[in-house]
Protein backbone atom coordinates (compact mmCIF):
# COMPACT_ATOMS: atom_id res chain seq x y z
CA UNK A 1 0.00 0.00 0.00
CA UNK A 2 1.10 3.57 -0.68
CA UNK A 3 -0.07 7.10 -0.04
CA UNK A 4 -3.30 7.78 -1.92
CA UNK A 5 -4.49 4.16 -1.83
CA UNK A 6 -7.87 3.38 -0.30
CA UNK A 7 -8.90 1.23 2.62
CA UNK A 8 -12.66 1.24 2.28
CA UNK A 9 -13.79 4.90 2.48
CA UNK A 10 -10.44 5.96 3.95
CA UNK A 11 -7.60 7.44 1.89
CA UNK A 12 -4.06 6.73 3.12
CA UNK A 13 -1.95 9.83 3.73
CA UNK A 14 1.36 8.76 5.27
CA UNK A 15 2.81 5.91 7.37
CA UNK A 16 3.25 6.78 11.04
CA UNK A 17 4.40 3.52 12.62
CA UNK A 18 4.91 -0.20 12.26
CA UNK A 19 4.97 -3.25 14.48
CA UNK A 20 5.38 -7.00 14.13
CA UNK A 21 1.75 -7.51 13.15
CA UNK A 22 0.70 -4.31 11.37
CA UNK A 23 1.71 -0.97 9.93
CA UNK A 24 -0.16 2.19 10.90
CA UNK A 25 -1.11 5.02 8.56
CA UNK A 26 -2.62 8.44 8.98
CA UNK A 27 -5.70 8.45 6.75
CA UNK A 28 -8.66 10.66 5.95
CA UNK A 29 -12.31 9.61 5.84
CA UNK A 30 -13.49 10.55 2.35
CA UNK A 31 -17.03 11.08 3.63
CA UNK A 32 -16.32 13.45 6.52
CA UNK A 33 -12.71 14.58 6.15
CA UNK A 34 -12.00 13.18 9.63
CA UNK A 35 -8.46 12.02 10.34
CA UNK A 36 -8.20 8.39 11.44
CA UNK A 37 -5.50 5.82 12.01
CA UNK A 38 -5.53 2.82 9.68
CA UNK A 39 -3.88 -0.40 10.84
CA UNK A 40 -2.93 -2.64 7.92
CA UNK A 41 -2.09 -6.24 8.68
CA UNK A 42 1.37 -7.23 7.50
CA UNK A 43 1.56 -9.89 4.82
CA UNK A 44 3.03 -13.21 5.96
CA UNK A 45 4.82 -15.50 3.53
CA UNK A 46 3.93 -18.71 5.38
CA UNK A 47 0.21 -19.59 4.94
CA UNK A 48 -0.07 -21.10 8.44
CA UNK A 49 1.51 -18.05 10.03
CA UNK A 50 -0.71 -15.81 7.90
CA UNK A 51 -3.84 -17.48 9.29
CA UNK A 52 -2.60 -17.11 12.85
CA UNK A 53 -1.64 -13.47 12.24
CA UNK A 54 -5.05 -12.69 10.75
CA UNK A 55 -6.83 -14.35 13.65
CA UNK A 56 -4.92 -12.19 16.13
CA UNK A 57 -5.37 -9.04 14.03
CA UNK A 58 -9.13 -9.48 13.72
CA UNK A 59 -9.42 -10.22 17.46
CA UNK A 60 -8.81 -6.52 18.17
CA UNK A 61 -11.97 -5.11 16.53
CA UNK A 62 -14.04 -8.02 17.87
CA UNK A 63 -12.80 -7.25 21.36
CA UNK A 64 -13.26 -3.50 20.88
CA UNK A 65 -16.98 -4.01 20.32
CA UNK A 66 -17.23 -5.13 23.94
CA UNK A 67 -15.54 -1.98 25.26
CA UNK A 68 -16.88 1.56 25.39
CA UNK A 69 -14.69 3.64 27.70
CA UNK A 70 -13.27 7.16 27.28
CA UNK A 71 -9.73 5.95 28.01
CA UNK A 72 -9.78 3.00 25.58
CA UNK A 73 -9.12 3.65 21.89
CA UNK A 74 -12.18 3.20 19.68
CA UNK A 75 -12.24 1.01 16.56
CA UNK A 76 -14.35 2.80 13.95
CA UNK A 77 -14.49 0.36 11.04
CA UNK A 78 -12.93 -2.81 9.62
CA UNK A 79 -12.55 -4.26 6.16
CA UNK A 80 -10.22 -5.58 3.49
CA UNK A 81 -8.34 -3.84 0.71
CA UNK A 82 -8.93 -4.73 -2.92
CA UNK A 83 -6.03 -7.18 -2.55
CA UNK A 84 -7.64 -8.82 0.48
CA UNK A 85 -5.39 -7.24 3.13
CA UNK A 86 -7.30 -6.79 6.43
CA UNK A 87 -7.45 -3.28 7.88
CA UNK A 88 -9.10 -1.47 10.75
CA UNK A 89 -9.77 2.22 11.30
CA UNK A 90 -9.22 3.66 14.76
CA UNK A 91 -9.69 7.12 16.20
CA UNK A 92 -6.68 9.34 15.53
CA UNK A 93 -4.69 9.94 18.72
CA UNK A 94 -2.51 12.91 19.61
CA UNK A 95 0.29 12.99 22.15
CA UNK A 96 3.05 10.51 22.90
CA UNK A 97 3.31 7.02 24.37
CA UNK A 98 4.16 7.04 28.07
CA UNK A 99 7.55 5.58 27.14
CA UNK A 100 8.73 9.18 26.72
CA UNK A 101 7.97 9.92 30.37
CA UNK A 102 9.79 6.90 31.76
CA UNK A 103 13.06 8.80 31.22
CA UNK A 104 14.20 10.91 34.18
CA UNK A 105 14.61 14.04 32.05
CA UNK A 106 10.92 13.92 31.08
CA UNK A 107 9.40 12.50 34.26
CA UNK A 108 5.84 13.58 34.97
CA UNK A 109 4.81 14.90 38.37
CA UNK A 110 3.73 12.31 40.94
CA UNK A 111 0.25 13.82 40.90
CA UNK A 112 -0.07 13.31 37.13
CA UNK A 113 1.33 9.75 37.33
CA UNK A 114 -1.19 8.78 39.99
CA UNK A 115 -4.00 10.30 37.94
CA UNK A 116 -2.94 8.36 34.85
CA UNK A 117 -2.67 5.17 36.89
CA UNK A 118 -6.17 5.72 38.26
CA UNK A 119 -7.57 6.14 34.75
CA UNK A 120 -5.78 3.07 33.37
CA UNK A 121 -6.98 0.99 36.33
CA UNK A 122 -10.55 2.22 35.79
CA UNK A 123 -10.40 1.35 32.08
CA UNK A 124 -8.97 -2.09 32.89
CA UNK A 125 -11.80 -2.62 35.35
CA UNK A 126 -14.26 -1.85 32.55
CA UNK A 127 -12.53 -4.41 30.31
CA UNK A 128 -12.22 -7.06 33.01
CA UNK A 129 -15.92 -6.79 33.86
CA UNK A 130 -16.60 -7.72 30.24
CA UNK A 131 -14.23 -10.66 30.23
CA UNK A 132 -11.43 -8.89 28.32
CA UNK A 133 -7.81 -9.20 29.49
CA UNK A 134 -5.44 -6.81 27.70
CA UNK A 135 -2.24 -8.88 28.28
CA UNK A 136 0.17 -6.22 27.00
CA UNK A 137 -0.11 -3.16 29.25
CA UNK A 138 3.11 -1.17 28.82
CA UNK A 139 4.10 2.48 28.25
CA UNK A 140 4.12 2.00 24.45
CA UNK A 141 0.42 1.11 24.58
CA UNK A 142 -0.61 4.09 26.70
CA UNK A 143 -0.93 7.30 24.67
CA UNK A 144 -0.99 10.57 26.61
CA UNK A 145 -1.41 14.13 25.37
CA UNK A 146 -0.09 16.57 27.99
CA UNK A 147 -1.83 19.50 26.26
CA UNK A 148 -5.34 18.05 26.33
CA UNK A 149 -5.05 15.44 29.08
CA UNK A 150 -6.24 12.73 26.68
CA UNK A 151 -5.20 9.20 27.69
CA UNK A 152 -5.90 6.10 25.63
CA UNK A 153 -5.12 2.42 26.12
CA UNK A 154 -4.25 1.04 22.69
CA UNK A 155 -3.39 -2.26 21.01
CA UNK A 156 -5.85 -4.91 22.07
CA UNK A 157 -4.27 -7.14 19.43
CA UNK A 158 -3.14 -9.71 21.99
CA UNK A 159 -6.14 -9.26 24.28
CA UNK A 160 -8.24 -12.27 25.21
CA UNK A 161 -12.01 -12.01 25.28
CA UNK A 162 -13.19 -14.97 27.31
CA UNK A 163 -16.16 -15.61 25.05
CA UNK A 164 -14.28 -15.48 21.74
CA UNK A 165 -11.46 -17.98 22.26
CA UNK A 166 -9.17 -15.60 20.39
CA UNK A 167 -6.01 -17.14 21.83
CA UNK A 168 -5.16 -20.43 23.41
CA UNK A 169 -4.81 -20.92 27.16
CA UNK A 170 -1.14 -20.99 28.10
CA UNK A 171 0.06 -19.09 25.03
CA UNK A 172 2.58 -16.47 26.14
CA UNK A 173 1.85 -13.17 24.40
CA UNK A 174 2.89 -9.71 25.49
CA UNK A 175 6.07 -7.80 26.26
CA UNK A 176 8.27 -9.71 28.75
CA UNK A 177 9.59 -6.69 30.69
CA UNK A 178 6.02 -5.85 31.76
CA UNK A 179 4.62 -9.35 32.15
CA UNK A 180 3.79 -10.95 35.49
CA UNK A 181 5.81 -14.00 36.60
CA UNK A 182 2.69 -16.17 36.32
CA UNK A 183 2.02 -14.91 32.79
CA UNK A 184 5.62 -15.63 31.77
CA UNK A 185 5.22 -19.14 33.15
CA UNK A 186 2.31 -19.73 30.77
CA UNK A 187 -0.57 -19.41 33.22
CA UNK A 188 -3.98 -18.47 31.89
CA UNK A 189 -4.22 -14.74 31.20
CA UNK A 190 -5.94 -12.97 34.07
CA UNK A 191 -6.86 -9.58 35.46
CA UNK A 192 -4.06 -10.05 37.99
CA UNK A 193 -1.56 -10.13 35.12
CA UNK A 194 -2.84 -6.81 33.76
CA UNK A 195 -2.56 -5.29 37.24
CA UNK A 196 1.03 -6.47 37.62
CA UNK A 197 1.85 -4.80 34.29
CA UNK A 198 0.23 -1.59 35.52
CA UNK A 199 2.43 -1.80 38.60
CA UNK A 200 5.56 -1.99 36.43
CA UNK A 201 4.39 1.05 34.43
CA UNK A 202 3.72 3.09 37.58
CA UNK A 203 7.06 2.06 39.12
CA UNK A 204 8.89 3.11 35.96
CA UNK A 205 7.07 6.44 35.68
CA UNK A 206 7.87 7.23 39.32
CA UNK A 207 11.52 6.10 39.34
CA UNK A 208 12.70 5.91 35.70
CA UNK A 209 13.67 2.31 36.45
CA UNK A 210 11.87 -1.02 36.28
CA UNK A 211 11.23 -2.99 39.46
CA UNK A 212 13.31 -5.91 38.19
CA UNK A 213 16.51 -5.26 36.26
CA UNK A 214 19.32 -7.53 35.07
CA UNK A 215 22.20 -7.58 32.59
CA UNK A 216 20.80 -10.47 30.50
CA UNK A 217 17.43 -11.94 29.59
CA UNK A 218 18.23 -15.18 31.39
CA UNK A 219 19.17 -13.38 34.60
CA UNK A 220 16.11 -11.20 34.34
CA UNK A 221 13.80 -14.22 33.92
CA UNK A 222 15.42 -15.88 36.95
CA UNK A 223 15.06 -12.78 39.09
CA UNK A 224 11.46 -12.06 38.16
CA UNK A 225 10.46 -15.65 38.93
CA UNK A 226 12.41 -16.01 42.19
CA UNK A 227 12.98 -12.59 43.77
CA UNK A 228 10.59 -9.90 44.97
CA UNK A 229 10.39 -6.63 43.04
CA UNK A 230 12.42 -3.68 44.30
CA UNK A 231 10.36 -1.84 46.96
CA UNK A 232 9.28 1.53 45.64
CA UNK A 233 10.39 3.43 48.74
CA UNK A 234 13.98 2.18 48.34
CA UNK A 235 14.23 4.41 45.25
CA UNK A 236 11.69 7.08 46.18
CA UNK A 237 11.82 7.47 49.99
CA UNK A 238 10.05 10.82 49.59
CA UNK A 239 6.81 9.14 48.52
CA UNK A 240 4.06 8.36 50.98
CA UNK A 241 3.65 4.85 52.34
CA UNK A 242 0.13 4.77 50.82
CA UNK A 243 1.51 5.20 47.29
CA UNK A 244 4.23 2.64 47.90
CA UNK A 245 1.73 0.13 49.27
CA UNK A 246 -0.43 0.32 46.15
CA UNK A 247 2.49 -0.12 43.74
CA UNK A 248 4.26 -2.78 45.79
CA UNK A 249 1.05 -4.81 46.07
CA UNK A 250 0.55 -4.67 42.30
CA UNK A 251 4.06 -6.13 41.91
CA UNK A 252 3.56 -9.16 44.15
CA UNK A 253 4.86 -12.34 42.50
CA UNK A 254 1.89 -14.32 43.80
CA UNK A 255 -1.21 -13.18 41.85
CA UNK A 256 -3.39 -13.99 44.88
CA UNK A 257 -1.58 -11.25 46.82
CA UNK A 258 -2.29 -8.57 44.22
CA UNK A 259 -5.47 -6.47 44.42
CA UNK A 260 -8.53 -8.46 43.45
CA UNK A 261 -10.14 -5.74 41.34
CA UNK A 262 -8.82 -3.01 39.10
CA UNK A 263 -11.56 -0.75 40.51
CA UNK A 264 -9.98 -1.08 43.97
CA UNK A 265 -6.63 0.02 42.51
CA UNK A 266 -8.29 3.00 40.82
CA UNK A 267 -9.87 4.06 44.11
CA UNK A 268 -6.60 3.71 46.04
CA UNK A 269 -4.68 5.73 43.44
CA UNK A 270 -7.38 8.41 43.43
CA UNK A 271 -7.12 8.72 47.22
CA UNK A 272 -3.31 8.97 47.01
CA UNK A 273 -3.60 11.66 44.34
CA UNK A 274 -6.07 13.64 46.45
CA UNK A 275 -3.72 13.39 49.43
CA UNK A 276 -0.94 14.90 47.31
CA UNK A 277 -3.20 17.72 46.18
CA UNK A 278 -4.10 18.58 49.76
CA UNK A 279 -0.48 18.91 50.87
């Protein structure tokens, strides 16, 4: 595909990103002039891999139909190009992925971080209530516009909707640095895994480090499976014990020791944010 080509009623303008499964284009709706993002599934040479890739790609719009939340990106339309290449149209997002703010030089204020965490937890609660587990919560999949305050959880391409059977139990999908020990071990995807990932994101935004670090992948896998995460207060002793308790509990190796509900995490983070505002 190239600039000027059509994906249904949408005209491609320019490529803006690419991943293992799809490339993303800025496009314009020919009916309204609205800017949208078009995700085009990458072509796979191997027919078996192509079927698997298409199944995962099409799981995102199916899952999106279950979710209507202001902090979850909306899928607007789906279809195939004239050549049969699957595509989906999503709302056009402004801002940057939270990856930018994990660097010390660009760190957000603690108040803003807690507010973002509260909103992500609330959106995850909405998804979990509908049987949807994201499975790949990480800074790259959290888009934030500092000018408007817009926050969106993106990329439900590896999500599992319990009633669709989109992926197999035990299949390890996601980004290892943000995955829970139980998820890495191949356990069934769960809300507890999403909450662990949120804990890693919050820890990184607050400290510019991850709670488990190592010099090699093998050492990192050993540490995350056998050792507790770094306590938040050891790197940020200036934070309140309430904030540390929330983040440290999210990072428990045992999923049974993590919060039971994302809504409880959202409430705890909101209370911590309000306490900061009152200081």
